Amino acid sequence: KGFLAPDFTLATLEGETVTLSDLRGQAVIVNVWASWCGPCRMEMPAFKEVYNEYKERGLVILAVNSTSQDTRTAVEKFVAEFQLPFSIPLDAEGEVARLYRVSALPSTFFVGRDGIITKVVIGGPLAESTLRAEVESLLAEELP
């Protein structure tokens, strides 16, 4: 918290490339998860709901799958089951897990428009009300 979010570039499930620093100016949630993780499964509907409500205001969710501990097939099944509308970057080499010192799944990082991490939540599931409050705070920030 309080530091510039470490930059990363990952391929998404759809085969596109996403780079965190390219999203500067937007409110970003980086959520690191795995398909076998119970709390991850429990909180995903809240992420979907909040994303659908706030995407027009500039919210970006990067649901980074910890693919080094998961399988692509399981990820595809999970995404289809929950009909996730946001980007699913695949952390195949564990790069994001290392950069962000992820010690438990899920781990969620709230990144302000300026690229600074405003809040870190290790573990879950995150309540929709908590997510909503953090997103409101991120979106209220002015760009420097």
Foldseek 3Di string as FASTA:
>chain_A
DFAFQDWDWFAWLVRHIDIPVVLQQAKEKEKEAELVDPQCLVQQLLVQVLCVVCVVLRYAYEHEYACCPYPSVSVVVSCVVSVRPHTYGYPNPCVSCVSVVQPAPTKMFIAASRRTTPDIDHDDDDDSVNVNVSNVVRSPDDDD
